[in-house]
Amino acid sequence: MVDEIYDRQYQAGRQDLHAGIDRAVARFGRAVAAVFRVQQRIHFAAPWDERRFRRMN
């Protein structure tokens, strides 16, 4: 009886832990993706863009 109660609590705790880890990894992934989107936007809006350079010459 005590073992069953312990096992149920242990399994519930593991599920909560895994859900928390999943949320943290997902949040980190979204943050990294946002950084890459910003870097890409900056790269393509750079003043030394090749198309702008061609128009100036």
PDB file of N, CA and C in Angstrom:
ATOM      1  N   MET A   1       0.829  -1.189   0.000  1.00  0.00           N
ATOM      2  CA  MET A   1       0.000   0.000   0.000  1.00  0.00           C
ATOM      3  C   MET A   1       0.878   1.258   0.000  1.00  0.00           C
ATOM      4  N   VAL A   2       1.840   1.305   0.891  1.00  0.00           N
ATOM      5  CA  VAL A   2       2.715   2.465   0.971  1.00  0.00           C
ATOM      6  C   VAL A   2       3.535   2.581  -0.306  1.00  0.00           C
ATOM      7  N   ASP A   3       3.965   1.443  -0.846  1.00  0.00           N
ATOM      8  CA  ASP A   3       4.739   1.452  -2.083  1.00  0.00           C
ATOM      9  C   ASP A   3       3.920   1.998  -3.251  1.00  0.00           C
ATOM     10  N   GLU A   4       2.643   1.648  -3.299  1.00  0.00           N
ATOM     11  CA  GLU A   4       1.773   2.132  -4.371  1.00  0.00           C
ATOM     12  C   GLU A   4       1.588   3.644  -4.285  1.00  0.00           C
ATOM     13  N   ILE A   5       1.388   4.144  -3.092  1.00  0.00           N
ATOM     14  CA  ILE A   5       1.230   5.589  -2.896  1.00  0.00           C
ATOM     15  C   ILE A   5       2.514   6.304  -3.288  1.00  0.00           C
ATOM     16  N   TYR A   6       3.645   5.763  -2.846  1.00  0.00           N
ATOM     17  CA  TYR A   6       4.940   6.354  -3.194  1.00  0.00           C
ATOM     18  C   TYR A   6       5.144   6.351  -4.707  1.00  0.00           C
ATOM     19  N   ASP A   7       4.814   5.229  -5.351  1.00  0.00           N
ATOM     20  CA  ASP A   7       5.005   5.113  -6.795  1.00  0.00           C
ATOM     21  C   ASP A   7       4.116   6.105  -7.546  1.00  0.00           C
ATOM     22  N   ARG A   8       2.877   6.263  -7.125  1.00  0.00           N
ATOM     23  CA  ARG A   8       1.980   7.229  -7.774  1.00  0.00           C
ATOM     24  C   ARG A   8       2.520   8.647  -7.654  1.00  0.00           C
ATOM     25  N   GLN A   9       2.978   9.009  -6.471  1.00  0.00           N
ATOM     26  CA  GLN A   9       3.533  10.345  -6.272  1.00  0.00           C
ATOM     27  C   GLN A   9       4.817  10.525  -7.072  1.00  0.00           C
ATOM     28  N   TYR A  10       5.635   9.491  -7.125  1.00  0.00           N
ATOM     29  CA  TYR A  10       6.891   9.547  -7.882  1.00  0.00           C
ATOM     30  C   TYR A  10       6.604   9.730  -9.371  1.00  0.00           C
ATOM     31  N   GLN A  11       5.658   8.967  -9.899  1.00  0.00           N
ATOM     32  CA  GLN A  11       5.319   9.075 -11.322  1.00  0.00           C
ATOM     33  C   GLN A  11       4.720  10.444 -11.640  1.00  0.00           C
ATOM     34  N   ALA A  12       3.878  10.966 -10.773  1.00  0.00           N
ATOM     35  CA  ALA A  12       3.299  12.294 -10.987  1.00  0.00           C
ATOM     36  C   ALA A  12       4.393  13.357 -10.958  1.00  0.00           C
ATOM     37  N   GLY A  13       5.327  13.203 -10.045  1.00  0.00           N
ATOM     38  CA  GLY A  13       6.441  14.150  -9.977  1.00  0.00           C
ATOM     39  C   GLY A  13       7.309  14.096 -11.217  1.00  0.00           C
ATOM     40  N   ARG A  14       7.550  12.904 -11.728  1.00  0.00           N
ATOM     41  CA  ARG A  14       8.338  12.765 -12.963  1.00  0.00           C
ATOM     42  C   ARG A  14       7.614  13.406 -14.138  1.00  0.00           C
ATOM     43  N   GLN A  15       6.308  13.227 -14.225  1.00  0.00           N
ATOM     44  CA  GLN A  15       5.543  13.834 -15.313  1.00  0.00           C
ATOM     45  C   GLN A  15       5.631  15.353 -15.245  1.00  0.00           C
ATOM     46  N   ASP A  16       5.511  15.906 -14.053  1.00  0.00           N
ATOM     47  CA  ASP A  16       5.639  17.356 -13.889  1.00  0.00           C
ATOM     48  C   ASP A  16       7.033  17.831 -14.274  1.00  0.00           C
ATOM     49  N   LEU A  17       8.042  17.076 -13.866  1.00  0.00           N
ATOM     50  CA  LEU A  17       9.417  17.440 -14.202  1.00  0.00           C
ATOM     51  C   LEU A  17       9.624  17.425 -15.710  1.00  0.00           C
ATOM     52  N   HIS A  18       9.161  16.381 -16.369  1.00  0.00           N
ATOM     53  CA  HIS A  18       9.330  16.285 -17.818  1.00  0.00           C
ATOM     54  C   HIS A  18       8.551  17.375 -18.542  1.00  0.00           C
ATOM     55  N   ALA A  19       7.366  17.699 -18.060  1.00  0.00           N
ATOM     56  CA  ALA A  19       6.589  18.778 -18.669  1.00  0.00           C
ATOM     57  C   ALA A  19       7.318  20.111 -18.509  1.00  0.00           C
ATOM     58  N   GLY A  20       7.914  20.333 -17.355  1.00  0.00           N
ATOM     59  CA  GLY A  20       8.676  21.563 -17.134  1.00  0.00           C
ATOM     60  C   GLY A  20       9.891  21.654 -18.036  1.00  0.00           C
ATOM     61  N   ILE A  21      10.578  20.536 -18.206  1.00  0.00           N
ATOM     62  CA  ILE A  21      11.739  20.517 -19.102  1.00  0.00           C
ATOM     63  C   ILE A  21      11.297  20.783 -20.533  1.00  0.00           C
ATOM     64  N   ASP A  22      10.200  20.173 -20.956  1.00  0.00           N
ATOM     65  CA  ASP A  22       9.679  20.406 -22.309  1.00  0.00           C
ATOM     66  C   ASP A  22       9.350  21.879 -22.527  1.00  0.00           C
ATOM     67  N   ARG A  23       8.711  22.491 -21.539  1.00  0.00           N
ATOM     68  CA  ARG A  23       8.374  23.918 -21.666  1.00  0.00           C
ATOM     69  C   ARG A  23       9.630  24.774 -21.749  1.00  0.00           C
ATOM     70  N   ALA A  24      10.637  24.448 -20.942  1.00  0.00           N
ATOM     71  CA  ALA A  24      11.881  25.227 -20.956  1.00  0.00           C
ATOM     72  C   ALA A  24      12.600  25.095 -22.293  1.00  0.00           C
ATOM     73  N   VAL A  25      12.648  23.894 -22.830  1.00  0.00           N
ATOM     74  CA  VAL A  25      13.310  23.681 -24.121  1.00  0.00           C
ATOM     75  C   VAL A  25      12.547  24.398 -25.229  1.00  0.00           C
ATOM     76  N   ALA A  26      11.230  24.336 -25.188  1.00  0.00           N
ATOM     77  CA  ALA A  26      10.425  25.022 -26.204  1.00  0.00           C
ATOM     78  C   ALA A  26      10.625  26.530 -26.125  1.00  0.00           C
ATOM     79  N   ARG A  27      10.649  27.078 -24.921  1.00  0.00           N
ATOM     80  CA  ARG A  27      10.857  28.520 -24.753  1.00  0.00           C
ATOM     81  C   ARG A  27      12.240  28.929 -25.252  1.00  0.00           C
ATOM     82  N   PHE A  28      13.252  28.131 -24.944  1.00  0.00           N
ATOM     83  CA  PHE A  28      14.610  28.406 -25.410  1.00  0.00           C
ATOM     84  C   PHE A  28      14.671  28.347 -26.934  1.00  0.00           C
ATOM     85  N   GLY A  29      14.015  27.367 -27.521  1.00  0.00           N
ATOM     86  CA  GLY A  29      13.986  27.251 -28.978  1.00  0.00           C
ATOM     87  C   GLY A  29      13.320  28.445 -29.633  1.00  0.00           C
ATOM     88  N   ARG A  30      12.230  28.921 -29.055  1.00  0.00           N
ATOM     89  CA  ARG A  30      11.559  30.112 -29.610  1.00  0.00           C
ATOM     90  C   ARG A  30      12.450  31.339 -29.497  1.00  0.00           C
ATOM     91  N   ALA A  31      13.176  31.462 -28.390  1.00  0.00           N
ATOM     92  CA  ALA A  31      14.069  32.610 -28.218  1.00  0.00           C
ATOM     93  C   ALA A  31      15.206  32.574 -29.231  1.00  0.00           C
ATOM     94  N   VAL A  32      15.778  31.407 -29.452  1.00  0.00           N
ATOM     95  CA  VAL A  32      16.864  31.280 -30.432  1.00  0.00           C
ATOM     96  C   VAL A  32      16.339  31.573 -31.833  1.00  0.00           C
ATOM     97  N   ALA A  33      15.158  31.083 -32.153  1.00  0.00           N
ATOM     98  CA  ALA A  33      14.568  31.346 -33.469  1.00  0.00           C
ATOM     99  C   ALA A  33      14.327  32.837 -33.660  1.00  0.00           C
ATOM    100  N   ALA A  34      13.875  33.526 -32.620  1.00  0.00           N
ATOM    101  CA  ALA A  34      13.653  34.968 -32.723  1.00  0.00           C
ATOM    102  C   ALA A  34      14.964  35.706 -32.970  1.00  0.00           C
ATOM    103  N   VAL A  35      16.025  35.282 -32.315  1.00  0.00           N
ATOM    104  CA  VAL A  35      17.334  35.912 -32.522  1.00  0.00           C
ATOM    105  C   VAL A  35      17.786  35.729 -33.961  1.00  0.00           C
ATOM    106  N   PHE A  36      17.625  34.533 -34.502  1.00  0.00           N
ATOM    107  CA  PHE A  36      18.032  34.292 -35.886  1.00  0.00           C
ATOM    108  C   PHE A  36      17.188  35.105 -36.866  1.00  0.00           C
ATOM    109  N   ARG A  37      15.891  35.255 -36.581  1.00  0.00           N
ATOM    110  CA  ARG A  37      15.044  36.081 -37.461  1.00  0.00           C
ATOM    111  C   ARG A  37      15.522  37.525 -37.460  1.00  0.00           C
ATOM    112  N   VAL A  38      15.864  38.050 -36.301  1.00  0.00           N
ATOM    113  CA  VAL A  38      16.360  39.425 -36.208  1.00  0.00           C
ATOM    114  C   VAL A  38      17.693  39.554 -36.933  1.00  0.00           C
ATOM    115  N   GLN A  39      18.584  38.605 -36.744  1.00  0.00           N
ATOM    116  CA  GLN A  39      19.878  38.661 -37.426  1.00  0.00           C
ATOM    117  C   GLN A  39      19.706  38.612 -38.936  1.00  0.00           C
ATOM    118  N   GLN A  40      18.785  37.803 -39.407  1.00  0.00           N
ATOM    119  CA  GLN A  40      18.548  37.719 -40.842  1.00  0.00           C
ATOM    120  C   GLN A  40      17.980  39.037 -41.363  1.00  0.00           C
ATOM    121  N   ARG A  41      17.067  39.636 -40.620  1.00  0.00           N
ATOM    122  CA  ARG A  41      16.489  40.917 -41.023  1.00  0.00           C
ATOM    123  C   ARG A  41      17.569  41.995 -41.082  1.00  0.00           C
ATOM    124  N   ILE A  42      18.458  42.017 -40.108  1.00  0.00           N
ATOM    125  CA  ILE A  42      19.549  42.993 -40.094  1.00  0.00           C
ATOM    126  C   ILE A  42      20.476  42.749 -41.277  1.00  0.00           C
ATOM    127  N   HIS A  43      20.772  41.499 -41.561  1.00  0.00           N
ATOM    128  CA  HIS A  43      21.680  41.177 -42.662  1.00  0.00           C
ATOM    129  C   HIS A  43      21.113  41.652 -43.995  1.00  0.00           C
ATOM    130  N   PHE A  44      19.835  41.427 -44.232  1.00  0.00           N
ATOM    131  CA  PHE A  44      19.256  41.796 -45.515  1.00  0.00           C
ATOM    132  C   PHE A  44      18.910  43.276 -45.599  1.00  0.00           C
ATOM    133  N   ALA A  45      18.954  43.993 -44.492  1.00  0.00           N
ATOM    134  CA  ALA A  45      18.700  45.428 -44.503  1.00  0.00           C
ATOM    135  C   ALA A  45      20.004  46.210 -44.347  1.00  0.00           C
ATOM    136  N   ALA A  46      21.137  45.557 -44.537  1.00  0.00           N
ATOM    137  CA  ALA A  46      22.432  46.197 -44.335  1.00  0.00           C
ATOM    138  C   ALA A  46      22.691  47.251 -45.411  1.00  0.00           C
ATOM    139  N   PRO A  47      23.337  48.355 -45.071  1.00  0.00           N
ATOM    140  CA  PRO A  47      23.590  49.414 -46.054  1.00  0.00           C
ATOM    141  C   PRO A  47      24.583  48.988 -47.130  1.00  0.00           C
ATOM    142  N   TRP A  48      25.359  47.952 -46.874  1.00  0.00           N
ATOM    143  CA  TRP A  48      26.316  47.494 -47.873  1.00  0.00           C
ATOM    144  C   TRP A  48      25.707  46.401 -48.752  1.00  0.00           C
ATOM    145  N   ASP A  49      24.384  46.376 -48.784  1.00  0.00           N
ATOM    146  CA  ASP A  49      23.688  45.405 -49.615  1.00  0.00           C
ATOM    147  C   ASP A  49      24.126  45.559 -51.066  1.00  0.00           C
ATOM    148  N   GLU A  50      24.349  44.462 -51.730  1.00  0.00           N
ATOM    149  CA  GLU A  50      24.901  44.471 -53.081  1.00  0.00           C
ATOM    150  C   GLU A  50      23.984  45.214 -54.058  1.00  0.00           C
ATOM    151  N   ARG A  51      22.687  45.082 -53.931  1.00  0.00           N
ATOM    152  CA  ARG A  51      21.760  45.758 -54.848  1.00  0.00           C
ATOM    153  C   ARG A  51      21.873  47.272 -54.719  1.00  0.00           C
ATOM    154  N   ARG A  52      21.983  47.766 -53.524  1.00  0.00           N
ATOM    155  CA  ARG A  52      22.123  49.215 -53.333  1.00  0.00           C
ATOM    156  C   ARG A  52      23.457  49.698 -53.890  1.00  0.00           C
ATOM    157  N   PHE A  53      24.484  48.876 -53.726  1.00  0.00           N
ATOM    158  CA  PHE A  53      25.802  49.258 -54.221  1.00  0.00           C
ATOM    159  C   PHE A  53      25.775  49.388 -55.740  1.00  0.00           C
ATOM    160  N   ARG A  54      25.067  48.523 -56.422  1.00  0.00           N
ATOM    161  CA  ARG A  54      24.980  48.588 -57.884  1.00  0.00           C
ATOM    162  C   ARG A  54      24.274  49.859 -58.333  1.00  0.00           C
ATOM    163  N   ARG A  55      23.241  50.281 -57.625  1.00  0.00           N
ATOM    164  CA  ARG A  55      22.510  51.494 -58.006  1.00  0.00           C
ATOM    165  C   ARG A  55      23.367  52.741 -57.849  1.00  0.00           C
ATOM    166  N   MET A  56      24.263  52.721 -56.863  1.00  0.00           N
ATOM    167  CA  MET A  56      25.072  53.911 -56.607  1.00  0.00           C
ATOM    168  C   MET A  56      26.148  54.084 -57.678  1.00  0.00           C
ATOM    169  N   ASN A  57      26.590  53.039 -58.319  1.00  0.00           N
ATOM    170  CA  ASN A  57      27.659  53.135 -59.321  1.00  0.00           C
ATOM    171  C   ASN A  57      27.123  53.320 -60.688  1.00  0.00           C
TER     172      ASN A  57
END
